Protein backbone atom coordinates (compact mmCIF):
# COMPACT_ATOMS: atom_id res chain seq x y z
CA MET A 1 0.00 0.02 -0.02
CA ASN A 2 1.44 3.32 -1.14
CA LEU A 3 0.51 6.29 1.12
CA GLN A 4 2.79 8.90 -0.44
CA VAL A 5 1.19 12.34 -0.77
CA ASP A 6 2.08 14.52 -3.73
CA PRO A 7 3.03 17.92 -2.16
CA LYS A 8 2.29 19.73 -5.44
CA LYS A 9 -1.30 18.44 -5.44
CA GLY A 10 -1.82 19.62 -1.89
CA LEU A 11 -0.39 23.05 -2.69
CA ASN A 12 -2.53 23.37 -5.84
CA GLN A 13 -5.71 22.57 -3.86
CA TYR A 14 -4.72 25.02 -1.10
CA ALA A 15 -4.22 27.76 -3.75
CA ARG A 16 -7.52 26.84 -5.43
CA TYR A 17 -9.58 27.07 -2.24
CA SER A 18 -7.76 30.15 -1.02
CA GLY A 19 -8.53 31.82 -4.27
CA MET A 20 -12.25 31.00 -3.94
CA ALA A 21 -12.34 32.42 -0.43
CA ILE A 22 -10.69 35.61 -1.59
CA GLN A 23 -13.09 35.86 -4.53
CA MET A 24 -16.04 35.48 -2.16
CA MET A 25 -14.68 38.10 0.18
CA VAL A 26 -14.10 40.60 -2.66
CA ILE A 27 -17.62 40.12 -4.08
CA ILE A 28 -19.30 40.54 -0.68
CA VAL A 29 -17.17 43.62 0.30
CA ALA A 30 -17.78 45.23 -3.10
CA GLY A 31 -21.54 44.68 -2.67
CA ALA A 32 -21.64 46.14 0.81
CA PHE A 33 -19.38 49.08 -0.18
CA GLY A 34 -21.50 49.82 -3.28
CA GLY A 35 -24.67 49.72 -1.19
CA LEU A 36 -23.23 52.00 1.41
CA LYS A 37 -22.16 54.49 -1.29
CA LEU A 38 -25.58 54.38 -2.90
CA ASP A 39 -27.27 54.96 0.48
CA ILE A 40 -25.08 58.01 1.15
CA TRP A 41 -25.55 59.37 -2.38
CA LEU A 42 -29.33 58.92 -2.33
CA LYS A 43 -29.64 59.80 1.38
CA THR A 44 -31.64 56.69 2.19
CA LYS A 45 -31.67 54.42 5.15
CA PRO A 46 -29.46 51.36 4.80
CA VAL A 47 -31.80 49.89 2.15
CA PHE A 48 -29.24 49.50 -0.61
CA THR A 49 -26.55 48.38 1.76
CA VAL A 50 -28.73 45.47 2.92
CA LEU A 51 -30.02 44.63 -0.54
CA LEU A 52 -26.64 44.69 -2.23
CA SER A 53 -24.96 42.81 0.64
CA ILE A 54 -27.48 40.00 0.44
CA SER A 55 -27.29 39.93 -3.35
CA ALA A 56 -23.54 39.81 -3.19
CA VAL A 57 -23.63 36.83 -0.78
CA PHE A 58 -25.83 34.89 -3.26
CA LEU A 59 -23.69 35.92 -6.15
CA ALA A 60 -20.51 34.79 -4.31
CA ILE A 61 -22.11 31.44 -3.47
CA TYR A 62 -23.12 31.03 -7.11
CA TYR A 63 -19.59 31.66 -8.35
CA VAL A 64 -17.96 29.37 -5.86
CA THR A 65 -20.41 26.56 -6.62
CA ARG A 66 -19.89 27.04 -10.32
CA ASP A 67 -16.12 26.84 -9.85
CA LEU A 68 -16.37 23.78 -7.66
CA LEU A 69 -18.59 21.91 -10.15
CA LYS A 70 -16.60 22.98 -13.21
CA LYS A 71 -13.11 21.97 -11.93
CA LYS A 72 -13.95 18.44 -10.83
């Protein structure tokens, strides 16, 4: 039984999942920041901040799910 682990494969997977986490973070922060700026510009309560933040979370989940299914 051969239990050797390829270090390059582990590093590639680490980079892949780290990239996905960073991508999620950027999408969510961009949505929240954009909503905040819209609320300031339109002088509204945090309506756009909430809406764009929630939309960004769903968008980030969509992109990560798509990447996970595509790269298998």
